[in-house]
Amino acid sequence: MKVIPASEAKTNFGALLDSAQREPVTISKKGRLVAVMMSVQEYEEHEALKLKLLRKEIRKGLKQLDKGKSTEGQAFMKALIKDLD
């Protein structure tokens, strides 16, 4: 992942936008990583993957609940997975 200083990001914002379309760009300020710029497409793909993983974990938890390993939070988890689908 490309890293550029905030001053360069500010000065060359158009070039930063172009670079972010090809790959995520990390922006640093005073030697500290402070932000990441990426294309909308990559962001949406990332969010979709996070949601998929969350659904998988919820389903795994629901299976454990159905096996009687726990009853606490069962209604909440079932409502949550319904909202996510």
N, C-alpha and C. Protein backbone atom coordinates (compact mmCIF):
# COMPACT_ATOMS: atom_id res chain seq x y z
N MET A 1 0.85 -1.17 0.00
CA MET A 1 0.00 0.00 0.00
C MET A 1 0.90 1.24 0.00
N LYS A 2 0.57 2.16 -0.84
CA LYS A 2 1.34 3.39 -0.98
C LYS A 2 1.08 4.30 0.23
N VAL A 3 2.13 4.93 0.75
CA VAL A 3 2.00 5.88 1.87
C VAL A 3 2.53 7.23 1.40
N ILE A 4 1.72 8.28 1.64
CA ILE A 4 2.17 9.63 1.29
C ILE A 4 1.91 10.57 2.47
N PRO A 5 2.73 11.61 2.61
CA PRO A 5 2.50 12.57 3.69
C PRO A 5 1.27 13.44 3.40
N ALA A 6 0.63 13.91 4.44
CA ALA A 6 -0.57 14.73 4.30
C ALA A 6 -0.31 15.97 3.46
N SER A 7 0.87 16.56 3.60
CA SER A 7 1.19 17.76 2.82
C SER A 7 1.17 17.46 1.32
N GLU A 8 1.68 16.29 0.94
CA GLU A 8 1.65 15.90 -0.47
C GLU A 8 0.22 15.61 -0.92
N ALA A 9 -0.56 14.98 -0.05
CA ALA A 9 -1.96 14.69 -0.39
C ALA A 9 -2.71 15.99 -0.65
N LYS A 10 -2.44 16.99 0.17
CA LYS A 10 -3.10 18.29 0.02
C LYS A 10 -2.66 18.98 -1.26
N THR A 11 -1.37 18.99 -1.51
CA THR A 11 -0.82 19.67 -2.68
C THR A 11 -1.21 19.00 -3.99
N ASN A 12 -1.25 17.67 -3.98
CA ASN A 12 -1.52 16.90 -5.20
C ASN A 12 -2.80 16.07 -5.06
N PHE A 13 -3.88 16.73 -4.65
CA PHE A 13 -5.12 16.01 -4.37
C PHE A 13 -5.65 15.26 -5.59
N GLY A 14 -5.57 15.87 -6.76
CA GLY A 14 -6.03 15.21 -7.99
C GLY A 14 -5.27 13.92 -8.26
N ALA A 15 -3.95 13.96 -8.08
CA ALA A 15 -3.12 12.77 -8.27
C ALA A 15 -3.45 11.72 -7.20
N LEU A 16 -3.75 12.17 -5.99
CA LEU A 16 -4.14 11.26 -4.92
C LEU A 16 -5.43 10.53 -5.30
N LEU A 17 -6.40 11.25 -5.81
CA LEU A 17 -7.65 10.62 -6.26
C LEU A 17 -7.39 9.58 -7.34
N ASP A 18 -6.53 9.91 -8.28
CA ASP A 18 -6.19 8.95 -9.34
C ASP A 18 -5.52 7.71 -8.77
N SER A 19 -4.58 7.89 -7.85
CA SER A 19 -3.87 6.76 -7.24
C SER A 19 -4.84 5.88 -6.46
N ALA A 20 -5.78 6.50 -5.76
CA ALA A 20 -6.74 5.75 -4.94
C ALA A 20 -7.67 4.89 -5.79
N GLN A 21 -7.80 5.22 -7.06
CA GLN A 21 -8.62 4.39 -7.96
C GLN A 21 -7.91 3.09 -8.30
N ARG A 22 -6.58 3.09 -8.21
CA ARG A 22 -5.79 1.91 -8.54
C ARG A 22 -5.51 1.03 -7.32
N GLU A 23 -5.28 1.68 -6.16
CA GLU A 23 -4.97 0.97 -4.93
C GLU A 23 -5.21 1.90 -3.74
N PRO A 24 -5.46 1.35 -2.56
CA PRO A 24 -5.61 2.21 -1.39
C PRO A 24 -4.33 2.99 -1.13
N VAL A 25 -4.48 4.21 -0.68
CA VAL A 25 -3.34 5.08 -0.37
C VAL A 25 -3.45 5.49 1.09
N THR A 26 -2.40 5.24 1.86
CA THR A 26 -2.36 5.64 3.26
C THR A 26 -1.74 7.01 3.36
N ILE A 27 -2.32 7.86 4.19
CA ILE A 27 -1.83 9.22 4.38
C ILE A 27 -1.24 9.33 5.78
N SER A 28 -0.04 9.88 5.84
CA SER A 28 0.63 10.04 7.14
C SER A 28 0.73 11.53 7.49
N LYS A 29 0.77 11.79 8.78
CA LYS A 29 0.95 13.16 9.26
C LYS A 29 1.91 13.10 10.43
N LYS A 30 3.00 13.82 10.32
CA LYS A 30 4.05 13.83 11.33
C LYS A 30 4.54 12.42 11.65
N GLY A 31 4.66 11.60 10.57
CA GLY A 31 5.18 10.26 10.72
C GLY A 31 4.18 9.22 11.21
N ARG A 32 2.93 9.64 11.45
CA ARG A 32 1.89 8.74 11.94
C ARG A 32 0.88 8.45 10.84
N LEU A 33 0.47 7.20 10.68
CA LEU A 33 -0.55 6.87 9.70
C LEU A 33 -1.90 7.36 10.23
N VAL A 34 -2.60 8.18 9.44
CA VAL A 34 -3.83 8.81 9.94
C VAL A 34 -5.07 8.52 9.11
N ALA A 35 -4.90 8.12 7.85
CA ALA A 35 -6.08 7.91 7.00
C ALA A 35 -5.73 7.00 5.84
N VAL A 36 -6.78 6.45 5.25
CA VAL A 36 -6.63 5.64 4.04
C VAL A 36 -7.66 6.13 3.03
N MET A 37 -7.21 6.36 1.81
CA MET A 37 -8.13 6.73 0.74
C MET A 37 -8.17 5.58 -0.24
N MET A 38 -9.40 5.19 -0.62
CA MET A 38 -9.57 4.10 -1.57
C MET A 38 -10.76 4.40 -2.47
N SER A 39 -10.87 3.65 -3.54
CA SER A 39 -11.98 3.84 -4.46
C SER A 39 -13.28 3.41 -3.79
N VAL A 40 -14.37 3.95 -4.27
CA VAL A 40 -15.69 3.58 -3.75
C VAL A 40 -15.92 2.09 -3.98
N GLN A 41 -15.52 1.59 -5.13
CA GLN A 41 -15.71 0.17 -5.44
C GLN A 41 -14.98 -0.71 -4.42
N GLU A 42 -13.74 -0.38 -4.11
CA GLU A 42 -12.98 -1.17 -3.15
C GLU A 42 -13.60 -1.07 -1.75
N TYR A 43 -14.05 0.12 -1.38
CA TYR A 43 -14.70 0.31 -0.08
C TYR A 43 -15.95 -0.55 0.02
N GLU A 44 -16.78 -0.54 -1.02
CA GLU A 44 -18.01 -1.33 -1.01
C GLU A 44 -17.71 -2.82 -0.95
N GLU A 45 -16.67 -3.26 -1.66
CA GLU A 45 -16.28 -4.67 -1.61
C GLU A 45 -15.81 -5.05 -0.21
N HIS A 46 -15.06 -4.15 0.41
CA HIS A 46 -14.58 -4.37 1.77
C HIS A 46 -15.75 -4.48 2.75
N GLU A 47 -16.70 -3.57 2.64
CA GLU A 47 -17.87 -3.58 3.52
C GLU A 47 -18.71 -4.83 3.30
N ALA A 48 -18.85 -5.25 2.04
CA ALA A 48 -19.61 -6.46 1.74
C ALA A 48 -18.94 -7.68 2.37
N LEU A 49 -17.61 -7.73 2.33
CA LEU A 49 -16.88 -8.84 2.93
C LEU A 49 -17.05 -8.84 4.44
N LYS A 50 -16.96 -7.67 5.06
CA LYS A 50 -17.17 -7.59 6.51
C LYS A 50 -18.56 -8.07 6.89
N LEU A 51 -19.56 -7.68 6.12
CA LEU A 51 -20.93 -8.09 6.38
C LEU A 51 -21.09 -9.59 6.22
N LYS A 52 -20.45 -10.16 5.20
CA LYS A 52 -20.50 -11.60 4.97
C LYS A 52 -19.89 -12.35 6.16
N LEU A 53 -18.74 -11.87 6.64
CA LEU A 53 -18.10 -12.51 7.79
C LEU A 53 -18.94 -12.38 9.05
N LEU A 54 -19.58 -11.23 9.23
CA LEU A 54 -20.45 -11.03 10.39
C LEU A 54 -21.62 -12.00 10.34
N ARG A 55 -22.24 -12.13 9.18
CA ARG A 55 -23.35 -13.07 9.02
C ARG A 55 -22.91 -14.50 9.36
N LYS A 56 -21.72 -14.87 8.89
CA LYS A 56 -21.19 -16.21 9.14
C LYS A 56 -21.04 -16.44 10.65
N GLU A 57 -20.48 -15.48 11.35
CA GLU A 57 -20.28 -15.62 12.79
C GLU A 57 -21.61 -15.67 13.54
N ILE A 58 -22.58 -14.88 13.10
CA ILE A 58 -23.90 -14.90 13.74
C ILE A 58 -24.55 -16.26 13.52
N ARG A 59 -24.47 -16.78 12.31
CA ARG A 59 -25.06 -18.09 12.03
C ARG A 59 -24.39 -19.18 12.88
N LYS A 60 -23.07 -19.08 13.03
CA LYS A 60 -22.35 -20.04 13.86
C LYS A 60 -22.85 -19.95 15.31
N GLY A 61 -23.04 -18.75 15.79
CA GLY A 61 -23.55 -18.56 17.15
C GLY A 61 -24.97 -19.10 17.30
N LEU A 62 -25.78 -18.88 16.27
CA LEU A 62 -27.15 -19.39 16.32
C LEU A 62 -27.17 -20.92 16.36
N LYS A 63 -26.27 -21.56 15.61
CA LYS A 63 -26.19 -23.02 15.64
C LYS A 63 -25.85 -23.50 17.05
N GLN A 64 -24.92 -22.81 17.70
CA GLN A 64 -24.56 -23.18 19.07
C GLN A 64 -25.75 -22.98 20.00
N LEU A 65 -26.47 -21.90 19.80
CA LEU A 65 -27.66 -21.66 20.62
C LEU A 65 -28.70 -22.75 20.40
N ASP A 66 -28.91 -23.14 19.15
CA ASP A 66 -29.89 -24.17 18.84
C ASP A 66 -29.49 -25.52 19.44
N LYS A 67 -28.20 -25.74 19.63
CA LYS A 67 -27.73 -26.99 20.24
C LYS A 67 -27.85 -26.93 21.77
N GLY A 68 -28.34 -25.80 22.26
CA GLY A 68 -28.54 -25.68 23.70
C GLY A 68 -27.34 -25.24 24.48
N LYS A 69 -26.31 -24.77 23.79
CA LYS A 69 -25.11 -24.36 24.50
C LYS A 69 -25.32 -23.05 25.25
N SER A 70 -26.29 -22.26 24.81
CA SER A 70 -26.60 -21.00 25.48
C SER A 70 -27.95 -20.52 24.99
N THR A 71 -28.67 -19.84 25.83
CA THR A 71 -29.96 -19.26 25.40
C THR A 71 -29.93 -17.75 25.49
N GLU A 72 -28.92 -17.23 26.15
CA GLU A 72 -28.83 -15.78 26.31
C GLU A 72 -28.55 -15.11 24.97
N GLY A 73 -29.38 -14.17 24.62
CA GLY A 73 -29.19 -13.41 23.39
C GLY A 73 -29.72 -14.07 22.14
N GLN A 74 -30.38 -15.19 22.25
CA GLN A 74 -30.85 -15.92 21.07
C GLN A 74 -31.82 -15.10 20.24
N ALA A 75 -32.79 -14.48 20.88
CA ALA A 75 -33.78 -13.67 20.14
C ALA A 75 -33.09 -12.49 19.45
N PHE A 76 -32.15 -11.88 20.15
CA PHE A 76 -31.43 -10.75 19.58
C PHE A 76 -30.66 -11.17 18.33
N MET A 77 -29.94 -12.28 18.43
CA MET A 77 -29.14 -12.74 17.29
C MET A 77 -30.01 -13.12 16.11
N LYS A 78 -31.15 -13.77 16.37
CA LYS A 78 -32.05 -14.14 15.28
C LYS A 78 -32.61 -12.90 14.60
N ALA A 79 -32.95 -11.88 15.38
CA ALA A 79 -33.45 -10.63 14.80
C ALA A 79 -32.36 -9.93 14.00
N LEU A 80 -31.15 -9.97 14.51
CA LEU A 80 -30.01 -9.33 13.83
C LEU A 80 -29.74 -9.98 12.48
N ILE A 81 -29.69 -11.29 12.45
CA ILE A 81 -29.41 -11.98 11.18
C ILE A 81 -30.55 -11.74 10.20
N LYS A 82 -31.78 -11.66 10.68
CA LYS A 82 -32.91 -11.37 9.80
C LYS A 82 -32.76 -9.98 9.17
N ASP A 83 -32.33 -9.01 9.97
CA ASP A 83 -32.11 -7.65 9.47
C ASP A 83 -30.98 -7.59 8.45
N LEU A 84 -29.96 -8.43 8.64
CA LEU A 84 -28.80 -8.42 7.74
C LEU A 84 -29.10 -9.11 6.41
N ASP A 85 -30.04 -10.04 6.40
CA ASP A 85 -30.38 -10.76 5.16
C ASP A 85 -31.33 -10.00 4.30
